[in-house]
Amino acid sequence: MSTPVEGSEKPLTALLSTVKLACDEMAPMVRVFYNALNRETSKLKADESLFTIADGIVQHMLTNYLFAGGKAKAIVGEESADVNILERPYTVENLVVPDDFCDIIDDVRDRVSALGARIDGTVYKDKTVFIDPIDGTREFATGLGEQCTILVGIADGEGRSVAGIIYRPTPNPSQFAFG
């Protein structure tokens, strides 16, 4: 399968293709988290919604590795979590990431970062990126992962939605649509 090079096609299509590749890289990691979810890897937030290490790590990888370096005007994520995936023990908020997950996190982090290097830092300066790292966290945390998605939307400088991807990481193979 060929991989698009940023700038070789329409800019938003190229960006979504790169986001899709990042989701492809994260999907096996998300499935590992999903299959091992327990009270140590998830918690209730103050608003009584669920939060998992998958929420924190997926959003962190997209914001801090794929879109790092001011590639967009703004990045708006659903979660605001303190994530440490550089120094062991890894943590997401007050949740300690099981040591068994660290190697896959390291591998995925490095591959998502390499994909981020392909994104032209000047083309999307007027765009805002919206991220919902695991849409359907309650379903994810209760064994209904097939109902969950990674959502990334792009808005132009006027705030109009111009592109987006919906990516289902738990089926194998994963499923997606973008436009």
N, C-alpha and C. Protein backbone atom coordinates (compact mmCIF):
# COMPACT_ATOMS: atom_id res chain seq x y z
N MET A 1 0.85 -1.17 0.00
CA MET A 1 0.00 0.00 0.00
C MET A 1 0.89 1.23 0.00
N SER A 2 0.65 2.15 -0.88
CA SER A 2 1.46 3.36 -0.90
C SER A 2 0.98 4.32 0.17
N THR A 3 1.88 5.14 0.66
CA THR A 3 1.52 6.14 1.66
C THR A 3 1.66 7.51 1.05
N PRO A 4 0.64 8.34 1.18
CA PRO A 4 0.69 9.67 0.56
C PRO A 4 1.76 10.53 1.23
N VAL A 5 2.39 11.34 0.43
CA VAL A 5 3.36 12.30 0.94
C VAL A 5 2.66 13.63 1.05
N GLU A 6 2.81 14.28 2.21
CA GLU A 6 2.15 15.56 2.44
C GLU A 6 2.47 16.52 1.30
N GLY A 7 1.45 17.12 0.73
CA GLY A 7 1.64 18.07 -0.37
C GLY A 7 1.48 17.44 -1.74
N SER A 8 1.40 16.08 -1.79
CA SER A 8 1.30 15.42 -3.08
C SER A 8 -0.14 15.35 -3.59
N GLU A 9 -1.08 15.78 -2.79
CA GLU A 9 -2.49 15.79 -3.16
C GLU A 9 -3.12 17.01 -2.51
N LYS A 10 -4.41 17.15 -2.60
CA LYS A 10 -5.06 18.29 -1.97
C LYS A 10 -4.68 18.33 -0.49
N PRO A 11 -4.39 19.52 0.05
CA PRO A 11 -3.88 19.60 1.43
C PRO A 11 -4.74 18.93 2.50
N LEU A 12 -6.06 19.10 2.47
CA LEU A 12 -6.88 18.47 3.51
C LEU A 12 -6.95 16.96 3.33
N THR A 13 -6.96 16.50 2.08
CA THR A 13 -6.94 15.06 1.84
C THR A 13 -5.62 14.47 2.32
N ALA A 14 -4.53 15.17 2.06
CA ALA A 14 -3.23 14.70 2.53
C ALA A 14 -3.18 14.66 4.05
N LEU A 15 -3.73 15.69 4.69
CA LEU A 15 -3.74 15.72 6.16
C LEU A 15 -4.57 14.55 6.70
N LEU A 16 -5.76 14.34 6.17
CA LEU A 16 -6.60 13.25 6.65
C LEU A 16 -5.96 11.89 6.38
N SER A 17 -5.25 11.76 5.28
CA SER A 17 -4.54 10.51 5.00
C SER A 17 -3.48 10.25 6.06
N THR A 18 -2.80 11.30 6.48
CA THR A 18 -1.77 11.16 7.52
C THR A 18 -2.42 10.86 8.87
N VAL A 19 -3.53 11.51 9.17
CA VAL A 19 -4.25 11.21 10.42
C VAL A 19 -4.72 9.76 10.40
N LYS A 20 -5.21 9.30 9.27
CA LYS A 20 -5.65 7.91 9.16
C LYS A 20 -4.49 6.96 9.42
N LEU A 21 -3.32 7.26 8.87
CA LEU A 21 -2.15 6.42 9.12
C LEU A 21 -1.77 6.42 10.60
N ALA A 22 -1.89 7.57 11.26
CA ALA A 22 -1.62 7.64 12.70
C ALA A 22 -2.63 6.77 13.47
N CYS A 23 -3.89 6.82 13.06
CA CYS A 23 -4.91 5.97 13.68
C CYS A 23 -4.59 4.49 13.45
N ASP A 24 -4.13 4.16 12.23
CA ASP A 24 -3.72 2.78 11.95
C ASP A 24 -2.62 2.33 12.92
N GLU A 25 -1.69 3.23 13.19
CA GLU A 25 -0.60 2.91 14.12
C GLU A 25 -1.11 2.73 15.54
N MET A 26 -2.08 3.56 15.93
CA MET A 26 -2.59 3.51 17.30
C MET A 26 -3.59 2.38 17.53
N ALA A 27 -4.26 1.89 16.50
CA ALA A 27 -5.33 0.90 16.66
C ALA A 27 -4.88 -0.36 17.42
N PRO A 28 -3.75 -0.98 17.08
CA PRO A 28 -3.36 -2.16 17.87
C PRO A 28 -3.14 -1.84 19.35
N MET A 29 -2.60 -0.66 19.64
CA MET A 29 -2.41 -0.24 21.02
C MET A 29 -3.76 -0.06 21.71
N VAL A 30 -4.70 0.58 21.02
CA VAL A 30 -6.04 0.78 21.59
C VAL A 30 -6.69 -0.56 21.87
N ARG A 31 -6.52 -1.53 20.98
CA ARG A 31 -7.10 -2.87 21.21
C ARG A 31 -6.47 -3.54 22.42
N VAL A 32 -5.17 -3.34 22.63
CA VAL A 32 -4.51 -3.88 23.83
C VAL A 32 -5.12 -3.26 25.08
N PHE A 33 -5.28 -1.93 25.07
CA PHE A 33 -5.91 -1.25 26.21
C PHE A 33 -7.33 -1.79 26.43
N TYR A 34 -8.08 -1.90 25.36
CA TYR A 34 -9.47 -2.34 25.43
C TYR A 34 -9.58 -3.73 26.06
N ASN A 35 -8.72 -4.63 25.63
CA ASN A 35 -8.78 -6.01 26.11
C ASN A 35 -8.31 -6.17 27.55
N ALA A 36 -7.65 -5.15 28.09
CA ALA A 36 -7.12 -5.24 29.45
C ALA A 36 -7.71 -4.20 30.39
N LEU A 37 -8.77 -3.54 29.96
CA LEU A 37 -9.35 -2.46 30.76
C LEU A 37 -9.84 -2.97 32.11
N ASN A 38 -9.52 -2.21 33.15
CA ASN A 38 -9.96 -2.56 34.50
C ASN A 38 -10.00 -1.30 35.36
N ARG A 39 -10.21 -1.44 36.64
CA ARG A 39 -10.32 -0.28 37.53
C ARG A 39 -9.02 0.50 37.65
N GLU A 40 -7.91 -0.13 37.36
CA GLU A 40 -6.63 0.57 37.44
C GLU A 40 -6.34 1.39 36.18
N THR A 41 -7.05 1.12 35.09
CA THR A 41 -6.79 1.83 33.84
C THR A 41 -7.96 2.71 33.41
N SER A 42 -8.92 2.89 34.30
CA SER A 42 -10.05 3.78 34.02
C SER A 42 -10.55 4.39 35.32
N LYS A 43 -11.30 5.49 35.20
CA LYS A 43 -11.85 6.14 36.39
C LYS A 43 -13.05 6.98 35.98
N LEU A 44 -13.82 7.37 36.99
CA LEU A 44 -14.92 8.31 36.77
C LEU A 44 -14.39 9.72 36.95
N LYS A 45 -14.74 10.60 36.02
CA LYS A 45 -14.38 12.01 36.15
C LYS A 45 -15.41 12.71 37.03
N ALA A 46 -15.13 13.96 37.37
CA ALA A 46 -16.02 14.73 38.23
C ALA A 46 -17.43 14.80 37.67
N ASP A 47 -17.57 14.83 36.35
CA ASP A 47 -18.91 14.90 35.74
C ASP A 47 -19.56 13.51 35.61
N GLU A 48 -18.92 12.51 36.20
CA GLU A 48 -19.37 11.12 36.22
C GLU A 48 -19.28 10.42 34.87
N SER A 49 -18.54 11.02 33.94
CA SER A 49 -18.25 10.30 32.70
C SER A 49 -16.97 9.49 32.92
N LEU A 50 -16.81 8.45 32.13
CA LEU A 50 -15.63 7.60 32.26
C LEU A 50 -14.43 8.18 31.52
N PHE A 51 -13.28 7.88 32.03
CA PHE A 51 -12.01 8.27 31.43
C PHE A 51 -11.10 7.05 31.52
N THR A 52 -10.40 6.74 30.41
CA THR A 52 -9.49 5.60 30.40
C THR A 52 -8.10 6.05 29.96
N ILE A 53 -7.13 5.19 30.19
CA ILE A 53 -5.78 5.52 29.70
C ILE A 53 -5.79 5.66 28.19
N ALA A 54 -6.69 4.95 27.51
CA ALA A 54 -6.78 5.08 26.05
C ALA A 54 -7.16 6.51 25.66
N ASP A 55 -8.13 7.12 26.37
CA ASP A 55 -8.52 8.51 26.08
C ASP A 55 -7.30 9.42 26.17
N GLY A 56 -6.60 9.33 27.29
CA GLY A 56 -5.47 10.23 27.52
C GLY A 56 -4.33 10.02 26.56
N ILE A 57 -3.97 8.77 26.32
CA ILE A 57 -2.81 8.49 25.48
C ILE A 57 -3.09 8.78 24.01
N VAL A 58 -4.27 8.42 23.50
CA VAL A 58 -4.59 8.70 22.09
C VAL A 58 -4.59 10.21 21.86
N GLN A 59 -5.26 10.97 22.73
CA GLN A 59 -5.27 12.42 22.54
C GLN A 59 -3.86 13.00 22.64
N HIS A 60 -3.08 12.52 23.60
CA HIS A 60 -1.72 13.01 23.77
C HIS A 60 -0.87 12.73 22.52
N MET A 61 -1.01 11.55 21.97
CA MET A 61 -0.23 11.22 20.77
C MET A 61 -0.63 12.10 19.59
N LEU A 62 -1.91 12.36 19.46
CA LEU A 62 -2.34 13.22 18.35
C LEU A 62 -1.90 14.67 18.56
N THR A 63 -2.08 15.19 19.75
CA THR A 63 -1.75 16.61 19.99
C THR A 63 -0.25 16.84 20.12
N ASN A 64 0.45 15.97 20.82
CA ASN A 64 1.86 16.22 21.14
C ASN A 64 2.85 15.59 20.18
N TYR A 65 2.38 14.69 19.33
CA TYR A 65 3.30 14.04 18.39
C TYR A 65 2.87 14.23 16.93
N LEU A 66 1.62 14.00 16.61
CA LEU A 66 1.19 14.16 15.22
C LEU A 66 1.09 15.64 14.85
N PHE A 67 0.41 16.43 15.68
CA PHE A 67 0.19 17.85 15.37
C PHE A 67 1.15 18.77 16.13
N ALA A 68 2.22 18.24 16.67
CA ALA A 68 3.16 19.03 17.47
C ALA A 68 3.81 20.14 16.64
N GLY A 69 4.24 21.18 17.33
CA GLY A 69 5.00 22.23 16.69
C GLY A 69 4.17 23.33 16.06
N GLY A 70 2.96 23.52 16.52
CA GLY A 70 2.15 24.62 16.01
C GLY A 70 1.70 24.46 14.58
N LYS A 71 1.43 23.23 14.17
CA LYS A 71 1.01 22.97 12.78
C LYS A 71 -0.39 23.51 12.49
N ALA A 72 -1.17 23.72 13.55
CA ALA A 72 -2.55 24.23 13.39
C ALA A 72 -2.70 25.48 14.25
N LYS A 73 -3.70 26.28 13.91
CA LYS A 73 -4.00 27.47 14.71
C LYS A 73 -4.31 27.09 16.14
N ALA A 74 -5.08 26.02 16.32
CA ALA A 74 -5.44 25.54 17.65
C ALA A 74 -5.77 24.06 17.57
N ILE A 75 -5.63 23.40 18.71
CA ILE A 75 -6.05 22.01 18.85
C ILE A 75 -7.00 21.98 20.05
N VAL A 76 -8.19 21.47 19.81
CA VAL A 76 -9.19 21.37 20.87
C VAL A 76 -9.45 19.89 21.11
N GLY A 77 -9.10 19.43 22.30
CA GLY A 77 -9.32 18.04 22.64
C GLY A 77 -10.42 17.89 23.67
N GLU A 78 -11.11 16.77 23.61
CA GLU A 78 -12.17 16.54 24.58
C GLU A 78 -11.61 16.35 25.97
N GLU A 79 -10.47 15.72 26.07
CA GLU A 79 -9.89 15.41 27.38
C GLU A 79 -8.80 16.42 27.73
N SER A 80 -8.70 16.73 28.99
CA SER A 80 -7.54 17.49 29.46
C SER A 80 -6.92 16.63 30.55
N ALA A 81 -5.83 15.99 30.20
CA ALA A 81 -5.20 15.04 31.11
C ALA A 81 -3.70 15.24 31.12
N ASP A 82 -3.13 15.07 32.28
CA ASP A 82 -1.69 15.09 32.43
C ASP A 82 -1.18 13.71 32.05
N VAL A 83 -0.44 13.64 30.93
CA VAL A 83 0.02 12.35 30.41
C VAL A 83 1.53 12.32 30.40
N ASN A 84 2.10 11.25 30.94
CA ASN A 84 3.53 11.02 30.90
C ASN A 84 3.78 9.69 30.20
N ILE A 85 4.29 9.76 28.97
CA ILE A 85 4.68 8.53 28.26
C ILE A 85 6.14 8.62 27.82
N LEU A 86 6.92 9.33 28.61
CA LEU A 86 8.35 9.44 28.34
C LEU A 86 9.19 8.82 29.44
N GLU A 87 8.70 8.86 30.66
CA GLU A 87 9.47 8.39 31.81
C GLU A 87 8.64 7.37 32.58
N ARG A 88 9.19 6.18 32.76
CA ARG A 88 8.46 5.12 33.44
C ARG A 88 8.50 5.33 34.95
N PRO A 89 7.44 5.02 35.66
CA PRO A 89 6.19 4.44 35.18
C PRO A 89 5.36 5.50 34.43
N TYR A 90 4.77 5.07 33.32
CA TYR A 90 3.92 5.96 32.56
C TYR A 90 2.63 6.21 33.34
N THR A 91 2.11 7.43 33.20
CA THR A 91 0.88 7.77 33.90
C THR A 91 -0.04 8.58 33.00
N VAL A 92 -1.32 8.46 33.28
CA VAL A 92 -2.35 9.27 32.66
C VAL A 92 -3.21 9.74 33.83
N GLU A 93 -3.09 11.05 34.13
CA GLU A 93 -3.70 11.58 35.35
C GLU A 93 -3.13 10.79 36.51
N ASN A 94 -3.97 10.27 37.38
CA ASN A 94 -3.48 9.50 38.51
C ASN A 94 -3.52 7.99 38.24
N LEU A 95 -3.72 7.61 36.99
CA LEU A 95 -3.72 6.20 36.60
C LEU A 95 -2.32 5.79 36.16
N VAL A 96 -1.81 4.73 36.74
CA VAL A 96 -0.51 4.21 36.34
C VAL A 96 -0.72 3.22 35.20
N VAL A 97 -0.02 3.46 34.11
CA VAL A 97 -0.12 2.59 32.94
C VAL A 97 0.60 1.28 33.25
N PRO A 98 -0.06 0.13 33.07
CA PRO A 98 0.62 -1.14 33.33
C PRO A 98 1.92 -1.25 32.53
N ASP A 99 2.94 -1.76 33.18
CA ASP A 99 4.26 -1.86 32.55
C ASP A 99 4.21 -2.66 31.26
N ASP A 100 3.30 -3.63 31.18
CA ASP A 100 3.17 -4.45 29.97
C ASP A 100 2.82 -3.62 28.74
N PHE A 101 2.25 -2.43 28.93
CA PHE A 101 1.84 -1.58 27.82
C PHE A 101 2.94 -0.65 27.33
N CYS A 102 3.99 -0.48 28.11
CA CYS A 102 4.98 0.57 27.82
C CYS A 102 5.70 0.37 26.49
N ASP A 103 6.05 -0.86 26.14
CA ASP A 103 6.78 -1.08 24.89
C ASP A 103 5.93 -0.73 23.67
N ILE A 104 4.65 -1.12 23.67
CA ILE A 104 3.80 -0.77 22.53
C ILE A 104 3.58 0.74 22.48
N ILE A 105 3.45 1.38 23.64
CA ILE A 105 3.30 2.84 23.67
C ILE A 105 4.54 3.50 23.08
N ASP A 106 5.72 3.03 23.46
CA ASP A 106 6.97 3.60 22.92
C ASP A 106 7.02 3.47 21.40
N ASP A 107 6.69 2.29 20.91
CA ASP A 107 6.73 2.03 19.47
C ASP A 107 5.73 2.92 18.73
N VAL A 108 4.50 2.98 19.22
CA VAL A 108 3.47 3.77 18.57
C VAL A 108 3.81 5.26 18.64
N ARG A 109 4.28 5.72 19.79
CA ARG A 109 4.66 7.13 19.95
C ARG A 109 5.70 7.52 18.89
N ASP A 110 6.70 6.68 18.70
CA ASP A 110 7.75 6.99 17.73
C ASP A 110 7.22 7.00 16.30
N ARG A 111 6.31 6.08 15.98
CA ARG A 111 5.76 6.04 14.62
C ARG A 111 4.80 7.20 14.35
N VAL A 112 4.01 7.58 15.36
CA VAL A 112 3.11 8.73 15.19
C VAL A 112 3.93 10.02 15.07
N SER A 113 5.00 10.11 15.83
CA SER A 113 5.88 11.27 15.73
C SER A 113 6.50 11.37 14.33
N ALA A 114 6.92 10.24 13.77
CA ALA A 114 7.48 10.23 12.41
C ALA A 114 6.43 10.68 11.40
N LEU A 115 5.19 10.27 11.59
CA LEU A 115 4.11 10.73 10.69
C LEU A 115 3.91 12.24 10.85
N GLY A 116 4.00 12.74 12.07
CA GLY A 116 3.86 14.17 12.31
C GLY A 116 4.90 14.98 11.55
N ALA A 117 6.08 14.43 11.40
CA ALA A 117 7.15 15.12 10.68
C ALA A 117 6.80 15.28 9.20
N ARG A 118 5.86 14.50 8.71
CA ARG A 118 5.45 14.60 7.29
C ARG A 118 4.46 15.73 7.05
N ILE A 119 3.86 16.25 8.12
CA ILE A 119 2.85 17.30 7.96
C ILE A 119 3.55 18.64 7.81
N ASP A 120 3.26 19.32 6.73
CA ASP A 120 3.85 20.64 6.46
C ASP A 120 3.34 21.63 7.51
N GLY A 121 4.26 22.18 8.28
CA GLY A 121 3.92 23.08 9.37
C GLY A 121 3.39 24.43 8.95
N THR A 122 3.33 24.71 7.66
CA THR A 122 2.85 26.02 7.20
C THR A 122 1.48 25.98 6.54
N VAL A 123 1.03 24.81 6.11
CA VAL A 123 -0.18 24.70 5.31
C VAL A 123 -1.47 24.86 6.13
N TYR A 124 -1.44 24.46 7.40
CA TYR A 124 -2.67 24.38 8.19
C TYR A 124 -2.72 25.41 9.32
N LYS A 125 -1.96 26.47 9.20
CA LYS A 125 -1.88 27.48 10.26
C LYS A 125 -3.21 28.17 10.55
N ASP A 126 -4.13 28.15 9.59
CA ASP A 126 -5.44 28.80 9.83
C ASP A 126 -6.51 27.79 10.23
N LYS A 127 -6.12 26.54 10.45
CA LYS A 127 -7.08 25.48 10.77
C LYS A 127 -7.09 25.19 12.27
N THR A 128 -8.26 24.79 12.76
CA THR A 128 -8.39 24.30 14.13
C THR A 128 -8.69 22.81 14.05
N VAL A 129 -8.00 22.03 14.87
CA VAL A 129 -8.17 20.58 14.92
C VAL A 129 -8.98 20.24 16.17
N PHE A 130 -10.03 19.46 16.00
CA PHE A 130 -10.87 18.99 17.11
C PHE A 130 -10.66 17.49 17.27
N ILE A 131 -10.40 17.06 18.50
CA ILE A 131 -10.11 15.65 18.75
C ILE A 131 -11.01 15.10 19.84
N ASP A 132 -11.66 13.99 19.55
CA ASP A 132 -12.30 13.18 20.57
C ASP A 132 -11.58 11.83 20.49
N PRO A 133 -10.68 11.57 21.45
CA PRO A 133 -9.78 10.41 21.32
C PRO A 133 -10.48 9.06 21.36
N ILE A 134 -11.46 8.93 22.21
CA ILE A 134 -12.30 7.72 22.23
C ILE A 134 -13.73 8.20 22.41
N ASP A 135 -14.42 8.36 21.30
CA ASP A 135 -15.83 8.74 21.36
C ASP A 135 -16.60 7.47 21.70
N GLY A 136 -17.30 7.51 22.82
CA GLY A 136 -17.99 6.32 23.31
C GLY A 136 -17.17 5.65 24.40
N THR A 137 -16.56 6.45 25.28
CA THR A 137 -15.72 5.88 26.33
C THR A 137 -16.49 4.92 27.23
N ARG A 138 -17.73 5.26 27.57
CA ARG A 138 -18.52 4.36 28.43
C ARG A 138 -18.67 2.99 27.76
N GLU A 139 -18.94 2.98 26.46
CA GLU A 139 -19.06 1.72 25.74
C GLU A 139 -17.70 1.01 25.70
N PHE A 140 -16.65 1.77 25.45
CA PHE A 140 -15.29 1.22 25.43
C PHE A 140 -14.98 0.52 26.75
N ALA A 141 -15.32 1.18 27.86
CA ALA A 141 -14.99 0.67 29.19
C ALA A 141 -15.91 -0.45 29.65
N THR A 142 -17.00 -0.67 28.92
CA THR A 142 -17.95 -1.71 29.34
C THR A 142 -18.06 -2.85 28.31
N GLY A 143 -17.04 -3.00 27.47
CA GLY A 143 -16.99 -4.13 26.56
C GLY A 143 -17.72 -3.97 25.25
N LEU A 144 -18.11 -2.74 24.91
CA LEU A 144 -18.79 -2.49 23.64
C LEU A 144 -17.91 -1.64 22.72
N GLY A 145 -16.65 -2.01 22.64
CA GLY A 145 -15.67 -1.23 21.88
C GLY A 145 -15.97 -1.07 20.41
N GLU A 146 -16.76 -1.98 19.85
CA GLU A 146 -17.11 -1.85 18.43
C GLU A 146 -17.95 -0.62 18.17
N GLN A 147 -18.46 0.00 19.23
CA GLN A 147 -19.27 1.22 19.10
C GLN A 147 -18.44 2.49 19.32
N CYS A 148 -17.14 2.36 19.40
CA CYS A 148 -16.27 3.50 19.73
C CYS A 148 -15.47 3.96 18.53
N THR A 149 -15.14 5.25 18.52
CA THR A 149 -14.38 5.82 17.42
C THR A 149 -13.36 6.83 17.91
N ILE A 150 -12.35 7.04 17.09
CA ILE A 150 -11.45 8.18 17.23
C ILE A 150 -11.95 9.20 16.23
N LEU A 151 -12.23 10.41 16.70
CA LEU A 151 -12.75 11.46 15.83
C LEU A 151 -11.76 12.61 15.74
N VAL A 152 -11.47 13.04 14.53
CA VAL A 152 -10.63 14.22 14.31
C VAL A 152 -11.34 15.07 13.27
N GLY A 153 -11.68 16.29 13.65
CA GLY A 153 -12.33 17.22 12.75
C GLY A 153 -11.45 18.43 12.51
N ILE A 154 -11.60 19.04 11.35
CA ILE A 154 -10.82 20.22 10.97
C ILE A 154 -11.79 21.35 10.63
N ALA A 155 -11.54 22.52 11.21
CA ALA A 155 -12.34 23.71 10.89
C ALA A 155 -11.42 24.75 10.27
N ASP A 156 -11.98 25.55 9.36
CA ASP A 156 -11.19 26.61 8.73
C ASP A 156 -11.10 27.83 9.64
N GLY A 157 -10.47 28.87 9.17
CA GLY A 157 -10.27 30.09 9.95
C GLY A 157 -11.56 30.79 10.35
N GLU A 158 -12.64 30.49 9.66
CA GLU A 158 -13.95 31.06 9.98
C GLU A 158 -14.74 30.17 10.93
N GLY A 159 -14.17 29.02 11.30
CA GLY A 159 -14.85 28.11 12.21
C GLY A 159 -15.75 27.10 11.54
N ARG A 160 -15.73 27.06 10.20
CA ARG A 160 -16.56 26.10 9.47
C ARG A 160 -15.87 24.74 9.40
N SER A 161 -16.64 23.69 9.62
CA SER A 161 -16.10 22.34 9.46
C SER A 161 -15.74 22.12 8.00
N VAL A 162 -14.51 21.68 7.75
CA VAL A 162 -14.07 21.48 6.37
C VAL A 162 -13.59 20.06 6.08
N ALA A 163 -13.28 19.29 7.14
CA ALA A 163 -12.79 17.93 6.91
C ALA A 163 -12.83 17.17 8.23
N GLY A 164 -12.78 15.86 8.12
CA GLY A 164 -12.75 15.06 9.33
C GLY A 164 -12.61 13.59 9.03
N ILE A 165 -12.28 12.85 10.08
CA ILE A 165 -12.17 11.39 9.98
C ILE A 165 -12.87 10.78 11.18
N ILE A 166 -13.56 9.69 10.92
CA ILE A 166 -14.13 8.84 11.96
C ILE A 166 -13.45 7.49 11.79
N TYR A 167 -12.84 7.01 12.88
CA TYR A 167 -11.99 5.83 12.80
C TYR A 167 -12.39 4.87 13.91
N ARG A 168 -12.74 3.65 13.54
CA ARG A 168 -13.10 2.62 14.52
C ARG A 168 -11.89 1.72 14.76
N PRO A 169 -11.21 1.90 15.93
CA PRO A 169 -9.97 1.17 16.17
C PRO A 169 -10.14 -0.26 16.68
N THR A 170 -11.29 -0.61 17.26
CA THR A 170 -11.37 -1.92 17.89
C THR A 170 -11.67 -3.07 16.96
N PRO A 171 -12.42 -2.90 15.87
CA PRO A 171 -12.53 -4.05 14.97
C PRO A 171 -11.15 -4.32 14.33
N ASN A 172 -10.91 -5.57 14.01
CA ASN A 172 -9.66 -5.90 13.33
C ASN A 172 -10.01 -6.66 12.06
N PRO A 173 -9.90 -6.03 10.89
CA PRO A 173 -9.26 -4.73 10.64
C PRO A 173 -10.14 -3.56 11.06
N SER A 174 -9.46 -2.44 11.35
CA SER A 174 -10.14 -1.21 11.71
C SER A 174 -10.95 -0.68 10.53
N GLN A 175 -11.88 0.21 10.83
CA GLN A 175 -12.71 0.79 9.79
C GLN A 175 -12.66 2.31 9.91
N PHE A 176 -12.82 3.01 8.79
CA PHE A 176 -12.75 4.46 8.82
C PHE A 176 -13.52 5.07 7.66
N ALA A 177 -13.79 6.35 7.80
CA ALA A 177 -14.30 7.16 6.69
C ALA A 177 -13.78 8.56 6.91
N PHE A 178 -13.40 9.21 5.83
CA PHE A 178 -13.01 10.61 5.96
C PHE A 178 -13.40 11.39 4.73
N GLY A 179 -13.45 12.68 4.91
CA GLY A 179 -13.79 13.56 3.80
C GLY A 179 -13.79 15.00 4.23
